[in-house]
Each structure stands twice: as structure tokens, then as C-alpha cells.
């Protein structure tokens, strides 16, 4: 009989133990939200009370862990319910990450589904010898042909724009991935949904 209250107490202690991570400063929201080299792809309500901008790299293991483990809960709890507007911005750490972002941009209205697949299958392409073939196989699932795949990855302007997005992130103090700006406050590192909730809930 004592087991249920004990479990309830334990659950309560676990919830209370998750404090909001400390922010590493803040940036000017207007500057942060200004149009960059590439247009933001927004998920969620335009007028949501909380805006989360994530600077990520497609080859970053911590970014993949966040998108596999935390992002689905963030999407269900906050983005789909109109509480959070979410924007991912490119901060590629290497040429393969650049290629991943270029394919996501070339996939037209499949930007986030493409990002999602690339993170979930990161082990199959980011560190392998023949990354081009591995990426092509993933891209074909998103509707790319060999020709459109090649055209995307040889688009110099798109590559320049992806690199410009990274530079803009650097200008806001981003030097590692993932880095989040939540209503202008900066947080570094992959967070759990409990940590994100501890930051988001007081802003609602």
C-alpha cells in the first residue's frame, strides 16, 4: 500500500529536481529575427509566445541526439499546441554537414522531414567513406533523382548562403552545436524535454 505514495513522491522529486539551465547571455531579438542569407523555415504559430532558434550541424552527434530524443516531445507539447515557434538555422561544422543542409533546402517543402531523416540516419552517412552514395540513397527517398541531387550539391550560391548562415550564427556568439536562442536568451548543448520545459513554461 505504501508503494503508490512512494512512487508518487519519487516522481514529484524527479520533476522538481530539473532546474532551468542557466543561459549564456542574450542577444537583440530584432537582429536575431532579421532575414538572413536563407529564409527561415518556421514550424508552429507565427505569433507563438516563445520563439526557439536552434543553430545545428547535420554531422553533430549531440544535435542528432536532441532531434531523436527531445524534439518529438517539444513538437507535441509546445510547437503543435501553438506555444512555441521553432526555427532551425544552419551552422555546418564540415563539408558533409553543408551537403546535408543543402539537400534539406533543395527538398522544397520537405525541409524538416529531410532534417529529421538525416539526423535519424546520421550514422549511415556522416562518418562513412562514401558519403555521397549514402546521401543519395537517403535523398532518393525524399524524391530526388540522381540529376537533382547532383544539381543541388553543385549549387555554389546555395553553398555560399549556407556558409553565410553559419557566419551569422557566429556573429551571435554561436561557437558550438547545438546552440539555442529561446526568446533571445542563449543556451548551449542538447537539452532534455524537462530542461526545455523549465525554460519555456515561465514564458507562457
N, C-alpha and C. Protein backbone atom coordinates (compact mmCIF):
# COMPACT_ATOMS: atom_id res chain seq x y z
N UNK A 1 0.82 -1.21 0.00
CA UNK A 1 0.00 0.00 0.00
C UNK A 1 0.86 1.27 0.00
N UNK A 2 1.99 1.17 0.66
CA UNK A 2 2.87 2.34 0.73
C UNK A 2 3.60 2.59 -0.59
N UNK A 3 3.56 1.63 -1.49
CA UNK A 3 4.33 1.74 -2.73
C UNK A 3 3.83 2.88 -3.61
N UNK A 4 2.51 3.07 -3.68
CA UNK A 4 1.99 4.08 -4.60
C UNK A 4 2.38 5.50 -4.16
N UNK A 5 2.16 5.87 -2.85
CA UNK A 5 2.61 7.20 -2.43
C UNK A 5 4.11 7.39 -2.61
N UNK A 6 4.87 6.31 -2.35
CA UNK A 6 6.32 6.41 -2.51
C UNK A 6 6.69 6.69 -3.96
N UNK A 7 6.03 6.01 -4.89
CA UNK A 7 6.28 6.25 -6.31
C UNK A 7 5.88 7.67 -6.70
N UNK A 8 4.73 8.09 -6.16
CA UNK A 8 4.27 9.45 -6.47
C UNK A 8 5.26 10.49 -5.95
N UNK A 9 5.78 10.23 -4.76
CA UNK A 9 6.74 11.15 -4.16
C UNK A 9 8.03 11.18 -4.99
N UNK A 10 8.46 9.99 -5.40
CA UNK A 10 9.66 9.88 -6.22
C UNK A 10 9.50 10.66 -7.52
N UNK A 11 8.33 10.50 -8.16
CA UNK A 11 8.06 11.23 -9.41
C UNK A 11 8.09 12.73 -9.16
N UNK A 12 7.51 13.14 -8.02
CA UNK A 12 7.50 14.56 -7.69
C UNK A 12 8.90 15.10 -7.49
N UNK A 13 9.73 14.30 -6.82
CA UNK A 13 11.12 14.73 -6.59
C UNK A 13 11.88 14.85 -7.91
N UNK A 14 11.61 13.91 -8.82
CA UNK A 14 12.30 13.94 -10.12
C UNK A 14 11.93 15.20 -10.88
N UNK A 15 10.63 15.52 -10.88
CA UNK A 15 10.18 16.70 -11.62
C UNK A 15 10.77 17.97 -11.02
N UNK A 16 10.81 18.04 -9.69
CA UNK A 16 11.29 19.25 -9.02
C UNK A 16 12.80 19.41 -9.20
N UNK A 17 13.49 18.29 -9.43
CA UNK A 17 14.94 18.34 -9.50
C UNK A 17 15.45 18.95 -10.80
N UNK A 18 14.57 19.08 -11.80
CA UNK A 18 15.02 19.62 -13.08
C UNK A 18 14.88 21.13 -13.08
N UNK A 19 16.01 21.79 -12.91
CA UNK A 19 16.02 23.25 -12.94
C UNK A 19 16.30 23.72 -14.36
N UNK A 20 15.86 24.93 -14.64
CA UNK A 20 16.15 25.51 -15.95
C UNK A 20 17.66 25.73 -16.06
N UNK A 21 18.28 25.29 -17.15
CA UNK A 21 19.70 25.56 -17.33
C UNK A 21 19.96 27.07 -17.37
N UNK A 22 21.12 27.46 -16.92
CA UNK A 22 21.47 28.89 -16.95
C UNK A 22 21.76 29.31 -18.39
N UNK A 23 21.27 30.48 -18.75
CA UNK A 23 21.56 30.97 -20.10
C UNK A 23 22.96 31.57 -20.14
N UNK A 24 23.52 31.60 -21.35
CA UNK A 24 24.85 32.20 -21.52
C UNK A 24 24.74 33.59 -22.12
N UNK A 25 23.77 34.35 -21.65
CA UNK A 25 23.59 35.71 -22.15
C UNK A 25 22.41 35.80 -23.10
N UNK A 26 22.24 36.97 -23.66
CA UNK A 26 21.11 37.19 -24.58
C UNK A 26 21.54 38.06 -25.75
N UNK A 27 20.73 38.05 -26.79
CA UNK A 27 21.02 38.85 -27.98
C UNK A 27 19.81 39.71 -28.32
N UNK A 28 20.01 40.69 -29.18
CA UNK A 28 18.93 41.56 -29.64
C UNK A 28 17.97 40.74 -30.50
N UNK A 29 16.72 40.66 -30.03
CA UNK A 29 15.72 39.82 -30.73
C UNK A 29 15.51 40.29 -32.17
N UNK A 30 15.42 41.59 -32.38
CA UNK A 30 15.17 42.11 -33.72
C UNK A 30 16.28 41.72 -34.68
N UNK A 31 17.52 41.80 -34.21
CA UNK A 31 18.66 41.40 -35.05
C UNK A 31 18.64 39.89 -35.30
N UNK A 32 18.31 39.13 -34.25
CA UNK A 32 18.26 37.68 -34.37
C UNK A 32 17.20 37.24 -35.38
N UNK A 33 16.07 37.94 -35.40
CA UNK A 33 14.96 37.55 -36.26
C UNK A 33 15.05 38.14 -37.67
N UNK A 34 16.05 38.99 -37.91
CA UNK A 34 16.18 39.62 -39.23
C UNK A 34 16.47 38.56 -40.29
N UNK A 35 16.00 38.82 -41.51
CA UNK A 35 16.19 37.90 -42.63
C UNK A 35 17.67 37.65 -42.89
N UNK A 36 18.03 36.36 -42.97
CA UNK A 36 19.41 36.00 -43.25
C UNK A 36 19.60 35.68 -44.72
N UNK A 37 20.73 35.05 -45.03
CA UNK A 37 21.03 34.69 -46.42
C UNK A 37 20.00 33.71 -46.98
N UNK A 38 19.45 32.88 -46.09
CA UNK A 38 18.38 31.94 -46.46
C UNK A 38 17.16 32.22 -45.60
N UNK A 39 15.96 32.11 -46.16
CA UNK A 39 14.76 32.38 -45.36
C UNK A 39 14.57 31.35 -44.27
N UNK A 40 14.09 31.79 -43.11
CA UNK A 40 13.80 30.86 -42.03
C UNK A 40 12.66 29.94 -42.43
N UNK A 41 12.78 28.67 -42.07
CA UNK A 41 11.69 27.73 -42.24
C UNK A 41 11.05 27.57 -40.86
N UNK A 42 9.86 28.12 -40.71
CA UNK A 42 9.22 28.21 -39.39
C UNK A 42 8.28 27.03 -39.17
N UNK A 43 8.38 26.45 -37.97
CA UNK A 43 7.41 25.44 -37.54
C UNK A 43 6.62 26.03 -36.38
N UNK A 44 5.31 25.90 -36.43
CA UNK A 44 4.49 26.42 -35.35
C UNK A 44 3.80 27.73 -35.71
N UNK A 45 3.11 28.28 -34.72
CA UNK A 45 2.36 29.52 -34.91
C UNK A 45 3.29 30.72 -35.01
N UNK A 46 3.04 31.56 -36.00
CA UNK A 46 3.87 32.75 -36.21
C UNK A 46 3.89 33.64 -34.96
N UNK A 47 2.75 33.75 -34.27
CA UNK A 47 2.65 34.63 -33.11
C UNK A 47 2.74 33.89 -31.78
N UNK A 48 3.38 32.74 -31.77
CA UNK A 48 3.55 31.97 -30.53
C UNK A 48 4.32 32.81 -29.50
N UNK A 49 4.01 32.64 -28.21
CA UNK A 49 4.69 33.45 -27.19
C UNK A 49 6.17 33.16 -27.02
N UNK A 50 6.60 31.98 -27.45
CA UNK A 50 8.01 31.60 -27.31
C UNK A 50 8.59 31.26 -28.67
N UNK A 51 9.75 31.82 -28.96
CA UNK A 51 10.47 31.52 -30.20
C UNK A 51 11.77 30.81 -29.87
N UNK A 52 11.96 29.63 -30.44
CA UNK A 52 13.21 28.88 -30.26
C UNK A 52 13.93 28.82 -31.59
N UNK A 53 15.15 29.30 -31.61
CA UNK A 53 16.02 29.18 -32.79
C UNK A 53 17.16 28.25 -32.42
N UNK A 54 17.31 27.20 -33.20
CA UNK A 54 18.40 26.26 -32.98
C UNK A 54 19.43 26.38 -34.08
N UNK A 55 20.68 26.60 -33.70
CA UNK A 55 21.79 26.52 -34.65
C UNK A 55 22.38 25.12 -34.51
N UNK A 56 22.38 24.37 -35.61
CA UNK A 56 22.79 22.97 -35.56
C UNK A 56 23.71 22.63 -36.73
N UNK A 57 24.39 21.51 -36.58
CA UNK A 57 25.18 20.95 -37.68
C UNK A 57 24.67 19.54 -37.95
N UNK A 58 24.51 19.19 -39.23
CA UNK A 58 23.93 17.89 -39.57
C UNK A 58 24.81 16.71 -39.17
N UNK A 59 26.10 16.95 -38.93
CA UNK A 59 27.01 15.87 -38.55
C UNK A 59 27.29 15.85 -37.05
N UNK A 60 26.63 16.71 -36.30
CA UNK A 60 26.84 16.83 -34.86
C UNK A 60 26.04 15.76 -34.12
N UNK A 61 26.74 14.90 -33.37
CA UNK A 61 26.09 13.83 -32.64
C UNK A 61 25.12 14.34 -31.58
N UNK A 62 25.48 15.43 -30.90
CA UNK A 62 24.60 16.00 -29.86
C UNK A 62 23.33 16.56 -30.50
N UNK A 63 23.46 17.13 -31.70
CA UNK A 63 22.29 17.66 -32.41
C UNK A 63 21.36 16.51 -32.78
N UNK A 64 21.94 15.41 -33.27
CA UNK A 64 21.13 14.25 -33.63
C UNK A 64 20.43 13.69 -32.40
N UNK A 65 21.14 13.62 -31.28
CA UNK A 65 20.55 13.11 -30.04
C UNK A 65 19.37 13.99 -29.61
N UNK A 66 19.52 15.30 -29.73
CA UNK A 66 18.42 16.21 -29.37
C UNK A 66 17.21 15.95 -30.27
N UNK A 67 17.46 15.82 -31.57
CA UNK A 67 16.34 15.69 -32.51
C UNK A 67 15.65 14.33 -32.43
N UNK A 68 16.39 13.31 -32.00
CA UNK A 68 15.79 11.99 -31.85
C UNK A 68 15.09 11.87 -30.49
N UNK A 69 15.72 12.40 -29.44
CA UNK A 69 15.23 12.16 -28.08
C UNK A 69 14.33 13.26 -27.51
N UNK A 70 14.60 14.52 -27.85
CA UNK A 70 13.87 15.63 -27.22
C UNK A 70 12.88 16.30 -28.17
N UNK A 71 13.28 16.48 -29.42
CA UNK A 71 12.45 17.26 -30.34
C UNK A 71 11.03 16.73 -30.51
N UNK A 72 10.81 15.38 -30.62
CA UNK A 72 9.42 14.92 -30.78
C UNK A 72 8.50 15.38 -29.64
N UNK A 73 9.00 15.36 -28.41
CA UNK A 73 8.20 15.81 -27.27
C UNK A 73 8.01 17.32 -27.31
N UNK A 74 9.03 18.05 -27.72
CA UNK A 74 8.91 19.50 -27.87
C UNK A 74 7.85 19.85 -28.91
N UNK A 75 7.86 19.10 -29.99
CA UNK A 75 6.89 19.31 -31.07
C UNK A 75 5.46 19.07 -30.58
N UNK A 76 5.26 17.95 -29.90
CA UNK A 76 3.92 17.60 -29.42
C UNK A 76 3.42 18.56 -28.35
N UNK A 77 4.28 18.87 -27.41
CA UNK A 77 3.87 19.64 -26.23
C UNK A 77 3.77 21.13 -26.48
N UNK A 78 4.64 21.66 -27.34
CA UNK A 78 4.72 23.11 -27.47
C UNK A 78 4.50 23.66 -28.89
N UNK A 79 5.08 22.99 -29.90
CA UNK A 79 5.00 23.55 -31.25
C UNK A 79 3.61 23.34 -31.84
N UNK A 80 3.11 22.12 -31.78
CA UNK A 80 1.78 21.83 -32.35
C UNK A 80 0.65 22.49 -31.57
N UNK A 81 0.92 22.86 -30.32
CA UNK A 81 -0.12 23.48 -29.49
C UNK A 81 -0.10 25.00 -29.56
N UNK A 82 0.77 25.55 -30.42
CA UNK A 82 0.79 26.99 -30.62
C UNK A 82 1.58 27.78 -29.59
N UNK A 83 2.32 27.09 -28.72
CA UNK A 83 3.06 27.78 -27.67
C UNK A 83 4.47 28.18 -28.10
N UNK A 84 5.01 27.44 -29.06
CA UNK A 84 6.39 27.68 -29.50
C UNK A 84 6.47 27.78 -31.02
N UNK A 85 7.20 28.77 -31.46
CA UNK A 85 7.60 28.87 -32.87
C UNK A 85 9.05 28.40 -32.94
N UNK A 86 9.30 27.39 -33.79
CA UNK A 86 10.62 26.78 -33.86
C UNK A 86 11.27 27.04 -35.20
N UNK A 87 12.54 27.41 -35.17
CA UNK A 87 13.31 27.67 -36.39
C UNK A 87 14.68 27.00 -36.25
N UNK A 88 15.04 26.19 -37.23
CA UNK A 88 16.41 25.68 -37.28
C UNK A 88 17.21 26.50 -38.26
N UNK A 89 18.43 26.82 -37.87
CA UNK A 89 19.34 27.55 -38.76
C UNK A 89 20.63 26.76 -38.92
N UNK A 90 21.21 26.91 -40.09
CA UNK A 90 22.39 26.14 -40.48
C UNK A 90 23.66 26.65 -39.78
N UNK A 91 24.37 25.72 -39.16
CA UNK A 91 25.69 26.01 -38.59
C UNK A 91 26.59 24.80 -38.87
N UNK A 92 26.86 24.54 -40.16
CA UNK A 92 27.61 23.32 -40.53
C UNK A 92 29.04 23.35 -40.04
N UNK A 93 29.49 22.23 -39.48
CA UNK A 93 30.84 22.15 -38.94
C UNK A 93 31.83 21.53 -39.93
N UNK A 94 31.32 21.03 -41.05
CA UNK A 94 32.20 20.39 -42.04
C UNK A 94 31.45 20.28 -43.37
N UNK A 95 32.15 19.89 -44.46
CA UNK A 95 31.50 19.82 -45.78
C UNK A 95 30.32 18.86 -45.84
N UNK A 96 30.36 17.78 -45.09
CA UNK A 96 29.23 16.84 -45.12
C UNK A 96 27.98 17.48 -44.49
N UNK A 97 28.19 18.24 -43.45
CA UNK A 97 27.06 18.95 -42.83
C UNK A 97 26.50 19.98 -43.80
N UNK A 98 27.39 20.64 -44.54
CA UNK A 98 26.93 21.58 -45.57
C UNK A 98 26.06 20.87 -46.60
N UNK A 99 26.51 19.68 -47.03
CA UNK A 99 25.76 18.91 -48.03
C UNK A 99 24.38 18.52 -47.49
N UNK A 100 24.32 18.11 -46.23
CA UNK A 100 23.05 17.74 -45.63
C UNK A 100 22.06 18.90 -45.62
N UNK A 101 22.55 20.06 -45.23
CA UNK A 101 21.68 21.24 -45.22
C UNK A 101 21.26 21.66 -46.62
N UNK A 102 22.17 21.55 -47.58
CA UNK A 102 21.83 21.90 -48.96
C UNK A 102 20.70 21.00 -49.48
N UNK A 103 20.78 19.71 -49.17
CA UNK A 103 19.72 18.79 -49.60
C UNK A 103 18.39 19.14 -48.94
N UNK A 104 18.45 19.50 -47.67
CA UNK A 104 17.21 19.89 -46.97
C UNK A 104 16.60 21.13 -47.62
N UNK A 105 17.44 22.08 -48.00
CA UNK A 105 16.96 23.30 -48.65
C UNK A 105 16.41 22.99 -50.05
N UNK A 106 17.03 22.05 -50.74
CA UNK A 106 16.60 21.70 -52.09
C UNK A 106 15.33 20.84 -52.09
N UNK A 107 14.97 20.31 -50.94
CA UNK A 107 13.81 19.41 -50.89
C UNK A 107 12.49 20.17 -50.81
N UNK A 108 12.55 21.48 -51.04
CA UNK A 108 11.39 22.36 -51.12
C UNK A 108 10.58 22.30 -49.83
N UNK A 109 9.38 21.75 -49.88
CA UNK A 109 8.53 21.78 -48.68
C UNK A 109 8.79 20.61 -47.73
N UNK A 110 9.92 19.92 -47.91
CA UNK A 110 10.25 18.79 -47.03
C UNK A 110 11.47 19.10 -46.16
N UNK A 111 11.69 20.37 -45.86
CA UNK A 111 12.89 20.78 -45.12
C UNK A 111 13.02 20.01 -43.81
N UNK A 112 12.01 20.10 -42.95
CA UNK A 112 12.12 19.43 -41.64
C UNK A 112 12.06 17.91 -41.74
N UNK A 113 11.22 17.33 -42.60
CA UNK A 113 11.29 15.87 -42.75
C UNK A 113 12.68 15.39 -43.20
N UNK A 114 13.32 16.17 -44.08
CA UNK A 114 14.65 15.80 -44.55
C UNK A 114 15.67 15.91 -43.41
N UNK A 115 15.60 17.00 -42.64
CA UNK A 115 16.47 17.18 -41.48
C UNK A 115 16.29 15.99 -40.52
N UNK A 116 15.03 15.64 -40.30
CA UNK A 116 14.69 14.56 -39.37
C UNK A 116 15.33 13.23 -39.81
N UNK A 117 15.19 12.91 -41.09
CA UNK A 117 15.74 11.65 -41.60
C UNK A 117 17.27 11.67 -41.53
N UNK A 118 17.88 12.79 -41.89
CA UNK A 118 19.34 12.88 -41.86
C UNK A 118 19.88 12.71 -40.45
N UNK A 119 19.19 13.27 -39.46
CA UNK A 119 19.63 13.08 -38.08
C UNK A 119 19.42 11.63 -37.63
N UNK A 120 18.26 11.07 -37.95
CA UNK A 120 17.98 9.69 -37.52
C UNK A 120 18.95 8.70 -38.16
N UNK A 121 19.37 8.98 -39.39
CA UNK A 121 20.28 8.07 -40.10
C UNK A 121 21.72 8.60 -40.13
N UNK A 122 22.04 9.48 -39.21
CA UNK A 122 23.36 10.14 -39.21
C UNK A 122 24.51 9.13 -39.28
N UNK A 123 24.37 8.02 -38.55
CA UNK A 123 25.45 7.01 -38.52
C UNK A 123 25.71 6.40 -39.89
N UNK A 124 24.69 6.42 -40.76
CA UNK A 124 24.81 5.75 -42.06
C UNK A 124 25.48 6.62 -43.12
N UNK A 125 25.66 7.93 -42.84
CA UNK A 125 26.26 8.77 -43.87
C UNK A 125 27.34 9.73 -43.37
N UNK A 126 27.24 10.19 -42.13
CA UNK A 126 28.15 11.26 -41.68
C UNK A 126 29.60 10.80 -41.56
N UNK A 127 29.80 9.55 -41.15
CA UNK A 127 31.16 9.09 -40.92
C UNK A 127 31.66 8.02 -41.86
N UNK A 128 30.86 7.70 -42.88
CA UNK A 128 31.26 6.61 -43.79
C UNK A 128 32.18 7.13 -44.90
N UNK A 129 32.86 6.20 -45.54
CA UNK A 129 33.82 6.61 -46.58
C UNK A 129 33.10 7.21 -47.79
N UNK A 130 32.08 6.55 -48.27
CA UNK A 130 31.37 7.03 -49.46
C UNK A 130 30.08 7.75 -49.04
N UNK A 131 30.25 8.96 -48.53
CA UNK A 131 29.09 9.72 -48.04
C UNK A 131 28.16 10.12 -49.17
N UNK A 132 28.71 10.33 -50.37
CA UNK A 132 27.88 10.78 -51.49
C UNK A 132 26.80 9.74 -51.83
N UNK A 133 27.21 8.46 -51.90
CA UNK A 133 26.24 7.40 -52.22
C UNK A 133 25.22 7.26 -51.10
N UNK A 134 25.70 7.34 -49.85
CA UNK A 134 24.79 7.21 -48.70
C UNK A 134 23.77 8.35 -48.70
N UNK A 135 24.22 9.56 -48.98
CA UNK A 135 23.31 10.71 -49.03
C UNK A 135 22.34 10.59 -50.21
N UNK A 136 22.83 10.10 -51.33
CA UNK A 136 21.96 9.93 -52.49
C UNK A 136 20.83 8.95 -52.18
N UNK A 137 21.15 7.87 -51.50
CA UNK A 137 20.14 6.88 -51.15
C UNK A 137 19.06 7.48 -50.25
N UNK A 138 19.48 8.33 -49.31
CA UNK A 138 18.51 9.00 -48.43
C UNK A 138 17.69 10.01 -49.24
N UNK A 139 18.39 10.76 -50.09
CA UNK A 139 17.73 11.81 -50.88
C UNK A 139 16.68 11.22 -51.82
N UNK A 140 16.97 10.03 -52.37
CA UNK A 140 16.01 9.40 -53.29
C UNK A 140 14.68 9.13 -52.59
N UNK A 141 14.73 8.81 -51.30
CA UNK A 141 13.51 8.58 -50.53
C UNK A 141 12.68 9.86 -50.41
N UNK A 142 13.35 11.02 -50.53
CA UNK A 142 12.66 12.31 -50.45
C UNK A 142 12.27 12.83 -51.83
N UNK A 143 12.48 11.99 -52.87
CA UNK A 143 12.04 12.37 -54.20
C UNK A 143 13.12 12.92 -55.12
N UNK A 144 14.37 12.92 -54.66
CA UNK A 144 15.46 13.38 -55.52
C UNK A 144 15.78 12.33 -56.58
N UNK A 145 16.19 12.81 -57.75
CA UNK A 145 16.79 11.94 -58.75
C UNK A 145 18.31 12.13 -58.67
N UNK A 146 19.04 11.30 -59.39
CA UNK A 146 20.49 11.48 -59.44
C UNK A 146 20.83 12.89 -59.94
N UNK A 147 20.05 13.37 -60.91
CA UNK A 147 20.30 14.68 -61.52
C UNK A 147 20.00 15.82 -60.54
N UNK A 148 18.85 15.75 -59.87
CA UNK A 148 18.50 16.84 -58.95
C UNK A 148 19.42 16.83 -57.72
N UNK A 149 19.85 15.66 -57.33
CA UNK A 149 20.81 15.52 -56.22
C UNK A 149 22.12 16.21 -56.58
N UNK A 150 22.60 15.91 -57.79
CA UNK A 150 23.86 16.49 -58.27
C UNK A 150 23.73 18.01 -58.42
N UNK A 151 22.60 18.43 -58.97
CA UNK A 151 22.39 19.87 -59.19
C UNK A 151 22.37 20.62 -57.86
N UNK A 152 21.75 20.02 -56.87
CA UNK A 152 21.67 20.65 -55.55
C UNK A 152 23.06 20.82 -54.95
N UNK A 153 23.84 19.76 -54.95
CA UNK A 153 25.14 19.78 -54.27
C UNK A 153 26.23 20.51 -55.05
N UNK A 154 25.92 20.92 -56.29
CA UNK A 154 26.88 21.73 -57.05
C UNK A 154 26.38 23.16 -57.21
N UNK A 155 25.36 23.52 -56.44
CA UNK A 155 24.81 24.87 -56.48
C UNK A 155 25.67 25.79 -55.60
N UNK A 156 26.57 26.52 -56.22
CA UNK A 156 27.54 27.33 -55.47
C UNK A 156 26.86 28.42 -54.65
N UNK A 157 25.82 29.04 -55.20
CA UNK A 157 25.13 30.10 -54.45
C UNK A 157 24.50 29.54 -53.18
N UNK A 158 23.89 28.35 -53.28
CA UNK A 158 23.29 27.74 -52.10
C UNK A 158 24.36 27.43 -51.05
N UNK A 159 25.49 26.91 -51.50
CA UNK A 159 26.60 26.63 -50.57
C UNK A 159 27.06 27.92 -49.90
N UNK A 160 27.21 28.98 -50.69
CA UNK A 160 27.61 30.28 -50.12
C UNK A 160 26.60 30.77 -49.09
N UNK A 161 25.32 30.57 -49.39
CA UNK A 161 24.26 31.02 -48.47
C UNK A 161 24.26 30.21 -47.18
N UNK A 162 24.48 28.91 -47.30
CA UNK A 162 24.57 28.06 -46.09
C UNK A 162 25.75 28.52 -45.23
N UNK A 163 26.86 28.83 -45.87
CA UNK A 163 28.04 29.31 -45.13
C UNK A 163 27.78 30.68 -44.51
N UNK A 164 27.01 31.51 -45.21
CA UNK A 164 26.65 32.83 -44.67
C UNK A 164 25.76 32.68 -43.43
N UNK A 165 24.89 31.67 -43.43
CA UNK A 165 24.06 31.41 -42.25
C UNK A 165 24.94 31.03 -41.05
N UNK A 166 25.97 30.25 -41.32
CA UNK A 166 26.89 29.88 -40.24
C UNK A 166 27.61 31.12 -39.71
N UNK A 167 28.05 31.98 -40.61
CA UNK A 167 28.76 33.19 -40.20
C UNK A 167 27.86 34.08 -39.35
N UNK A 168 26.58 34.18 -39.76
CA UNK A 168 25.63 34.98 -38.99
C UNK A 168 25.46 34.41 -37.59
N UNK A 169 25.44 33.07 -37.48
CA UNK A 169 25.37 32.44 -36.17
C UNK A 169 26.59 32.79 -35.32
N UNK A 170 27.76 32.77 -35.95
CA UNK A 170 29.00 33.14 -35.24
C UNK A 170 28.90 34.57 -34.71
N UNK A 171 28.29 35.45 -35.51
CA UNK A 171 28.14 36.84 -35.09
C UNK A 171 27.26 36.98 -33.85
N UNK A 172 26.38 35.98 -33.62
CA UNK A 172 25.54 35.99 -32.42
C UNK A 172 26.18 35.21 -31.27
N UNK A 173 27.43 34.80 -31.46
CA UNK A 173 28.16 34.12 -30.39
C UNK A 173 28.05 32.61 -30.41
N UNK A 174 27.51 32.05 -31.49
CA UNK A 174 27.43 30.59 -31.59
C UNK A 174 28.82 30.05 -31.91
N UNK A 175 29.30 29.12 -31.09
CA UNK A 175 30.60 28.52 -31.37
C UNK A 175 30.59 27.01 -31.16
N UNK A 176 29.41 26.45 -30.92
CA UNK A 176 29.25 25.01 -30.76
C UNK A 176 27.81 24.64 -31.11
N UNK A 177 27.59 23.35 -31.38
CA UNK A 177 26.24 22.92 -31.71
C UNK A 177 25.82 21.78 -30.78
N UNK A 178 24.51 21.71 -30.45
CA UNK A 178 23.50 22.71 -30.81
C UNK A 178 23.55 23.91 -29.86
N UNK A 179 23.20 25.07 -30.39
CA UNK A 179 23.01 26.27 -29.57
C UNK A 179 21.59 26.77 -29.81
N UNK A 180 20.89 27.05 -28.73
CA UNK A 180 19.51 27.50 -28.81
C UNK A 180 19.39 28.94 -28.33
N UNK A 181 18.53 29.69 -29.01
CA UNK A 181 18.12 31.00 -28.51
C UNK A 181 16.62 30.89 -28.22
N UNK A 182 16.26 31.04 -26.95
CA UNK A 182 14.87 30.94 -26.52
C UNK A 182 14.43 32.33 -26.07
N UNK A 183 13.59 32.95 -26.88
CA UNK A 183 13.21 34.35 -26.69
C UNK A 183 14.44 35.23 -26.48
N UNK A 184 15.47 34.95 -27.27
CA UNK A 184 16.68 35.78 -27.28
C UNK A 184 17.75 35.37 -26.31
N UNK A 185 17.44 34.46 -25.38
CA UNK A 185 18.46 34.00 -24.42
C UNK A 185 19.17 32.77 -24.97
N UNK A 186 20.47 32.73 -24.77
CA UNK A 186 21.31 31.70 -25.38
C UNK A 186 21.52 30.52 -24.43
N UNK A 187 21.35 29.31 -24.98
CA UNK A 187 21.60 28.07 -24.23
C UNK A 187 22.41 27.13 -25.14
N UNK A 188 23.47 26.55 -24.59
CA UNK A 188 24.31 25.65 -25.39
C UNK A 188 24.13 24.21 -24.95
N UNK A 189 24.19 23.31 -25.92
CA UNK A 189 24.14 21.89 -25.64
C UNK A 189 22.75 21.29 -25.79
N UNK A 190 22.72 19.99 -26.03
CA UNK A 190 21.45 19.28 -26.19
C UNK A 190 20.76 19.21 -24.84
N UNK A 191 19.50 19.62 -24.81
CA UNK A 191 18.73 19.60 -23.55
C UNK A 191 17.64 18.55 -23.60
N UNK A 192 17.25 18.08 -22.42
CA UNK A 192 16.12 17.16 -22.31
C UNK A 192 14.82 17.97 -22.41
N UNK A 193 13.71 17.28 -22.62
CA UNK A 193 12.42 17.99 -22.68
C UNK A 193 12.11 18.61 -21.31
N UNK A 194 12.56 17.97 -20.23
CA UNK A 194 12.32 18.54 -18.90
C UNK A 194 13.08 19.86 -18.73
N UNK A 195 14.31 19.90 -19.21
CA UNK A 195 15.09 21.14 -19.13
C UNK A 195 14.47 22.23 -19.99
N UNK A 196 14.03 21.86 -21.19
CA UNK A 196 13.41 22.86 -22.07
C UNK A 196 12.10 23.36 -21.48
N UNK A 197 11.32 22.45 -20.89
CA UNK A 197 10.06 22.85 -20.26
C UNK A 197 10.31 23.85 -19.12
N UNK A 198 11.40 23.62 -18.37
CA UNK A 198 11.74 24.50 -17.25
C UNK A 198 12.05 25.92 -17.74
N UNK A 199 12.55 26.02 -18.97
CA UNK A 199 12.82 27.34 -19.57
C UNK A 199 11.55 27.92 -20.18
N UNK A 200 10.81 27.08 -20.91
CA UNK A 200 9.65 27.56 -21.68
C UNK A 200 8.45 27.93 -20.81
N UNK A 201 8.11 27.06 -19.85
CA UNK A 201 6.86 27.24 -19.10
C UNK A 201 6.70 28.62 -18.44
N UNK A 202 7.77 29.17 -17.82
CA UNK A 202 7.60 30.50 -17.22
C UNK A 202 7.37 31.61 -18.24
N UNK A 203 7.65 31.34 -19.52
CA UNK A 203 7.48 32.36 -20.57
C UNK A 203 6.07 32.35 -21.17
N UNK A 204 5.28 31.34 -20.80
CA UNK A 204 3.94 31.21 -21.40
C UNK A 204 2.90 32.04 -20.64
